[in-house]
Amino acid sequence: MRHNFIGIVISTAMDKTVRVQVAKRVMVHRFQKEVLRHKVYMAHDEMENCNNGDVVRIEHCRKLSRHKSFAVAEVIKPARSWTDPETGIAARHIAARSFSVATATKKDILQDMYLREIRNYKPDTKAAQADVTTKEFAAPKVPAPPQNDINLESDMKTYEQTGTLGQ
């Protein structure tokens, strides 16, 4: 069986060789959560027609070098390119491999603003001191002893004679 993978070209720096990043989902049983894992394969690109950001299908073949045992079968989706109308220079958009830099910068700016606001917070001391009033401590009164109107002498005599209390 031949292994076929679909991935994104992340490097074309070598002659007739591209680096392709392939993503796969793996279940982490300890946390019962699916995570994304990446693996980078080196693939043979005979015609050198791949560019950074291209989505390609790579196919397993005989070992071509120490690290290279895949070949680019086809370019599924070429990377987007944009031509500047003033200069005529083509700029390529590379597919993002992880998070976007813009969102990371926004997060840092928001976090800095939040931390600055927390550091500059000073509670209003005048209002806090106006609400505080001291009260005199007074020990509670000792309760009066209970009043028992029961005559226990007659009950004790009947108990001693019969062995039971008469009520």
C-alpha atoms as a PDB file:
ATOM      1  CA  MET A   1       0.000   0.000   0.000  1.00  0.00           C
ATOM      2  CA  ARG A   2       1.323   3.415  -0.929  1.00  0.00           C
ATOM      3  CA  HIS A   3       1.130   6.188   1.628  1.00  0.00           C
ATOM      4  CA  ASN A   4      -0.450   9.371   0.342  1.00  0.00           C
ATOM      5  CA  PHE A   5      -0.488  12.542   2.411  1.00  0.00           C
ATOM      6  CA  ILE A   6      -1.836  16.030   1.786  1.00  0.00           C
ATOM      7  CA  GLY A   7       0.123  18.899   3.278  1.00  0.00           C
ATOM      8  CA  ILE A   8       1.457  22.423   2.892  1.00  0.00           C
ATOM      9  CA  VAL A   9       4.861  23.216   1.393  1.00  0.00           C
ATOM     10  CA  ILE A  10       6.868  25.046   4.049  1.00  0.00           C
ATOM     11  CA  SER A  11      10.288  25.205   2.393  1.00  0.00           C
ATOM     12  CA  THR A  12      11.709  25.095  -1.127  1.00  0.00           C
ATOM     13  CA  ALA A  13      15.294  26.010  -0.243  1.00  0.00           C
ATOM     14  CA  MET A  14      16.874  22.771  -1.554  1.00  0.00           C
ATOM     15  CA  ASP A  15      17.274  21.703  -5.171  1.00  0.00           C
ATOM     16  CA  LYS A  16      14.469  19.359  -6.309  1.00  0.00           C
ATOM     17  CA  THR A  17      13.376  18.904  -2.690  1.00  0.00           C
ATOM     18  CA  VAL A  18      10.522  20.470  -0.735  1.00  0.00           C
ATOM     19  CA  ARG A  19       9.552  20.197   2.902  1.00  0.00           C
ATOM     20  CA  VAL A  20       5.862  19.404   3.382  1.00  0.00           C
ATOM     21  CA  GLN A  21       4.041  19.750   6.687  1.00  0.00           C
ATOM     22  CA  VAL A  22       1.243  17.198   7.145  1.00  0.00           C
ATOM     23  CA  ALA A  23      -1.362  17.624   9.889  1.00  0.00           C
ATOM     24  CA  LYS A  24      -3.344  14.822  11.513  1.00  0.00           C
ATOM     25  CA  ARG A  25      -5.833  14.627  14.353  1.00  0.00           C
ATOM     26  CA  VAL A  26      -4.955  12.402  17.314  1.00  0.00           C
ATOM     27  CA  MET A  27      -7.158  11.507  20.286  1.00  0.00           C
ATOM     28  CA  VAL A  28      -5.471  12.038  23.667  1.00  0.00           C
ATOM     29  CA  HIS A  29      -7.206   9.393  25.768  1.00  0.00           C
ATOM     30  CA  ARG A  30      -6.090  10.829  29.084  1.00  0.00           C
ATOM     31  CA  PHE A  31      -8.017  14.056  28.469  1.00  0.00           C
ATOM     32  CA  GLN A  32     -10.590  12.693  25.980  1.00  0.00           C
ATOM     33  CA  LYS A  33      -9.708  15.477  23.586  1.00  0.00           C
ATOM     34  CA  GLU A  34      -8.707  15.531  19.944  1.00  0.00           C
ATOM     35  CA  VAL A  35      -5.522  17.482  19.175  1.00  0.00           C
ATOM     36  CA  LEU A  36      -3.732  18.408  15.965  1.00  0.00           C
ATOM     37  CA  ARG A  37      -0.259  16.928  15.417  1.00  0.00           C
ATOM     38  CA  HIS A  38       2.130  17.908  12.613  1.00  0.00           C
ATOM     39  CA  LYS A  39       4.894  16.009  10.880  1.00  0.00           C
ATOM     40  CA  VAL A  40       7.318  17.339   8.293  1.00  0.00           C
ATOM     41  CA  TYR A  41       8.266  15.169   5.310  1.00  0.00           C
ATOM     42  CA  MET A  42      10.931  15.847   2.700  1.00  0.00           C
ATOM     43  CA  ALA A  43       9.587  15.183  -0.787  1.00  0.00           C
ATOM     44  CA  HIS A  44      11.180  15.050  -4.218  1.00  0.00           C
ATOM     45  CA  ASP A  45      10.001  17.798  -6.600  1.00  0.00           C
ATOM     46  CA  GLU A  46      11.478  16.901 -10.010  1.00  0.00           C
ATOM     47  CA  MET A  47      10.147  19.895 -11.956  1.00  0.00           C
ATOM     48  CA  GLU A  48      10.609  22.357  -9.068  1.00  0.00           C
ATOM     49  CA  ASN A  49       7.129  23.764  -9.618  1.00  0.00           C
ATOM     50  CA  CYS A  50       6.154  23.954  -5.901  1.00  0.00           C
ATOM     51  CA  ASN A  51       6.185  27.223  -3.965  1.00  0.00           C
ATOM     52  CA  ASN A  52       5.829  28.031  -0.280  1.00  0.00           C
ATOM     53  CA  GLY A  53       2.190  27.755   0.770  1.00  0.00           C
ATOM     54  CA  ASP A  54       1.110  25.312  -1.960  1.00  0.00           C
ATOM     55  CA  VAL A  55      -1.177  22.488  -0.875  1.00  0.00           C
ATOM     56  CA  VAL A  56       0.281  19.291  -2.355  1.00  0.00           C
ATOM     57  CA  ARG A  57      -0.275  15.537  -2.343  1.00  0.00           C
ATOM     58  CA  ILE A  58       2.863  13.537  -1.645  1.00  0.00           C
ATOM     59  CA  GLU A  59       3.217   9.850  -2.429  1.00  0.00           C
ATOM     60  CA  HIS A  60       5.549   7.252  -0.930  1.00  0.00           C
ATOM     61  CA  CYS A  61       8.272   6.041  -3.314  1.00  0.00           C
ATOM     62  CA  ARG A  62      11.619   4.297  -3.129  1.00  0.00           C
ATOM     63  CA  LYS A  63      14.173   5.918  -0.851  1.00  0.00           C
ATOM     64  CA  LEU A  64      15.850   8.694  -2.836  1.00  0.00           C
ATOM     65  CA  SER A  65      18.230   9.880  -0.114  1.00  0.00           C
ATOM     66  CA  ARG A  66      18.750   9.520   3.613  1.00  0.00           C
ATOM     67  CA  HIS A  67      15.685  11.631   4.508  1.00  0.00           C
ATOM     68  CA  LYS A  68      13.703  11.636   1.269  1.00  0.00           C
ATOM     69  CA  SER A  69      11.257   8.810   0.531  1.00  0.00           C
ATOM     70  CA  PHE A  70       8.279  10.788  -0.819  1.00  0.00           C
ATOM     71  CA  ALA A  71       7.629  12.484  -4.138  1.00  0.00           C
ATOM     72  CA  VAL A  72       5.228  15.297  -4.984  1.00  0.00           C
ATOM     73  CA  ALA A  73       2.358  13.684  -6.914  1.00  0.00           C
ATOM     74  CA  GLU A  74       0.353  16.842  -7.638  1.00  0.00           C
ATOM     75  CA  VAL A  75      -0.215  20.420  -6.583  1.00  0.00           C
ATOM     76  CA  ILE A  76      -3.785  20.484  -5.294  1.00  0.00           C
ATOM     77  CA  LYS A  77      -4.049  24.211  -4.619  1.00  0.00           C
ATOM     78  CA  PRO A  78      -1.339  26.740  -5.441  1.00  0.00           C
ATOM     79  CA  ALA A  79      -0.561  29.473  -2.930  1.00  0.00           C
ATOM     80  CA  ARG A  80      -2.423  32.728  -3.423  1.00  0.00           C
ATOM     81  CA  SER A  81      -0.428  35.494  -5.065  1.00  0.00           C
ATOM     82  CA  TRP A  82      -1.053  39.190  -5.415  1.00  0.00           C
ATOM     83  CA  THR A  83       0.532  41.595  -7.883  1.00  0.00           C
ATOM     84  CA  ASP A  84       1.138  45.167  -6.792  1.00  0.00           C
ATOM     85  CA  PRO A  85      -0.405  47.406  -9.506  1.00  0.00           C
ATOM     86  CA  GLU A  86       2.176  50.196  -9.019  1.00  0.00           C
ATOM     87  CA  THR A  87       5.401  48.172  -9.022  1.00  0.00           C
ATOM     88  CA  GLY A  88       4.272  44.992 -10.754  1.00  0.00           C
ATOM     89  CA  ILE A  89       5.971  42.839  -8.109  1.00  0.00           C
ATOM     90  CA  ALA A  90       4.146  39.632  -7.237  1.00  0.00           C
ATOM     91  CA  ALA A  91       3.788  38.881  -3.547  1.00  0.00           C
ATOM     92  CA  ARG A  92       2.806  35.401  -2.364  1.00  0.00           C
ATOM     93  CA  HIS A  93       0.595  34.723   0.617  1.00  0.00           C
ATOM     94  CA  ILE A  94       2.012  31.822   2.585  1.00  0.00           C
ATOM     95  CA  ALA A  95      -0.492  29.572   4.331  1.00  0.00           C
ATOM     96  CA  ALA A  96      -0.303  30.019   8.091  1.00  0.00           C
ATOM     97  CA  ARG A  97       1.145  27.057   9.947  1.00  0.00           C
ATOM     98  CA  SER A  98       0.147  28.180  13.417  1.00  0.00           C
ATOM     99  CA  PHE A  99      -1.405  31.327  14.876  1.00  0.00           C
ATOM    100  CA  SER A 100      -1.533  34.604  13.025  1.00  0.00           C
ATOM    101  CA  VAL A 101       0.900  37.313  14.106  1.00  0.00           C
ATOM    102  CA  ALA A 102      -1.814  39.984  14.002  1.00  0.00           C
ATOM    103  CA  THR A 103      -3.986  38.214  16.582  1.00  0.00           C
ATOM    104  CA  ALA A 104      -0.976  37.645  18.832  1.00  0.00           C
ATOM    105  CA  THR A 105      -0.129  41.355  18.659  1.00  0.00           C
ATOM    106  CA  LYS A 106      -3.729  42.328  19.435  1.00  0.00           C
ATOM    107  CA  LYS A 107      -3.703  39.976  22.407  1.00  0.00           C
ATOM    108  CA  ASP A 108      -0.485  41.568  23.708  1.00  0.00           C
ATOM    109  CA  ILE A 109      -1.909  45.079  23.315  1.00  0.00           C
ATOM    110  CA  LEU A 110      -5.120  44.143  25.152  1.00  0.00           C
ATOM    111  CA  GLN A 111      -3.182  42.401  27.894  1.00  0.00           C
ATOM    112  CA  ASP A 112      -0.903  45.443  28.331  1.00  0.00           C
ATOM    113  CA  MET A 113      -3.922  47.767  28.533  1.00  0.00           C
ATOM    114  CA  TYR A 114      -5.575  45.512  31.105  1.00  0.00           C
ATOM    115  CA  LEU A 115      -2.430  45.279  33.252  1.00  0.00           C
ATOM    116  CA  ARG A 116      -1.874  49.048  33.038  1.00  0.00           C
ATOM    117  CA  GLU A 117      -5.450  49.647  34.203  1.00  0.00           C
ATOM    118  CA  ILE A 118      -5.007  47.281  37.150  1.00  0.00           C
ATOM    119  CA  ARG A 119      -1.711  48.922  38.169  1.00  0.00           C
ATOM    120  CA  ASN A 120      -3.189  52.431  38.024  1.00  0.00           C
ATOM    121  CA  TYR A 121      -6.264  51.515  40.081  1.00  0.00           C
ATOM    122  CA  LYS A 122      -6.382  53.324  43.424  1.00  0.00           C
ATOM    123  CA  PRO A 123      -9.407  52.901  45.700  1.00  0.00           C
ATOM    124  CA  ASP A 124     -11.170  56.027  46.992  1.00  0.00           C
ATOM    125  CA  THR A 125      -9.836  56.352  50.570  1.00  0.00           C
ATOM    126  CA  LYS A 126     -12.168  59.184  51.700  1.00  0.00           C
ATOM    127  CA  ALA A 127     -15.323  57.186  50.970  1.00  0.00           C
ATOM    128  CA  ALA A 128     -13.879  54.102  52.628  1.00  0.00           C
ATOM    129  CA  GLN A 129     -12.970  56.031  55.805  1.00  0.00           C
ATOM    130  CA  ALA A 130     -16.399  57.703  55.996  1.00  0.00           C
ATOM    131  CA  ASP A 131     -18.173  54.340  56.132  1.00  0.00           C
ATOM    132  CA  VAL A 132     -16.026  52.981  58.957  1.00  0.00           C
ATOM    133  CA  THR A 133     -17.475  53.553  62.437  1.00  0.00           C
ATOM    134  CA  THR A 134     -16.233  52.000  65.658  1.00  0.00           C
ATOM    135  CA  LYS A 135     -18.667  50.448  68.108  1.00  0.00           C
ATOM    136  CA  GLU A 136     -18.239  49.909  71.830  1.00  0.00           C
ATOM    137  CA  PHE A 137     -17.924  46.301  72.839  1.00  0.00           C
ATOM    138  CA  ALA A 138     -20.310  45.204  75.591  1.00  0.00           C
ATOM    139  CA  ALA A 139     -20.389  41.708  77.009  1.00  0.00           C
ATOM    140  CA  PRO A 140     -23.821  40.071  76.851  1.00  0.00           C
ATOM    141  CA  LYS A 141     -25.878  39.799  80.062  1.00  0.00           C
ATOM    142  CA  VAL A 142     -25.726  36.563  81.980  1.00  0.00           C
ATOM    143  CA  PRO A 143     -29.043  34.700  81.673  1.00  0.00           C
ATOM    144  CA  ALA A 144     -31.114  34.122  84.816  1.00  0.00           C
ATOM    145  CA  PRO A 145     -31.146  30.593  86.274  1.00  0.00           C
ATOM    146  CA  PRO A 146     -34.202  28.524  85.315  1.00  0.00           C
ATOM    147  CA  GLN A 147     -37.143  28.450  87.729  1.00  0.00           C
ATOM    148  CA  ASN A 148     -38.136  24.919  88.740  1.00  0.00           C
ATOM    149  CA  ASP A 149     -41.481  24.592  90.532  1.00  0.00           C
ATOM    150  CA  ILE A 150     -41.285  20.834  90.687  1.00  0.00           C
ATOM    151  CA  ASN A 151     -41.148  19.134  94.080  1.00  0.00           C
ATOM    152  CA  LEU A 152     -38.780  16.213  93.755  1.00  0.00           C
ATOM    153  CA  GLU A 153     -39.062  14.914  97.354  1.00  0.00           C
ATOM    154  CA  SER A 154     -42.373  13.122  96.863  1.00  0.00           C
ATOM    155  CA  ASP A 155     -41.179  11.603  93.558  1.00  0.00           C
ATOM    156  CA  MET A 156     -38.003  10.300  95.198  1.00  0.00           C
ATOM    157  CA  LYS A 157     -39.957   8.640  98.034  1.00  0.00           C
ATOM    158  CA  THR A 158     -42.282   6.833  95.619  1.00  0.00           C
ATOM    159  CA  TYR A 159     -39.318   5.735  93.550  1.00  0.00           C
ATOM    160  CA  GLU A 160     -37.527   4.295  96.520  1.00  0.00           C
ATOM    161  CA  GLN A 161     -40.639   2.387  97.600  1.00  0.00           C
ATOM    162  CA  THR A 162     -41.843   1.061  94.274  1.00  0.00           C
ATOM    163  CA  GLY A 163     -38.852   1.406  91.992  1.00  0.00           C
ATOM    164  CA  THR A 164     -40.697   3.584  89.447  1.00  0.00           C
ATOM    165  CA  LEU A 165     -41.496   7.243  89.238  1.00  0.00           C
ATOM    166  CA  GLY A 166     -45.150   8.188  89.655  1.00  0.00           C
ATOM    167  CA  GLN A 167     -46.392  10.963  87.524  1.00  0.00           C
END
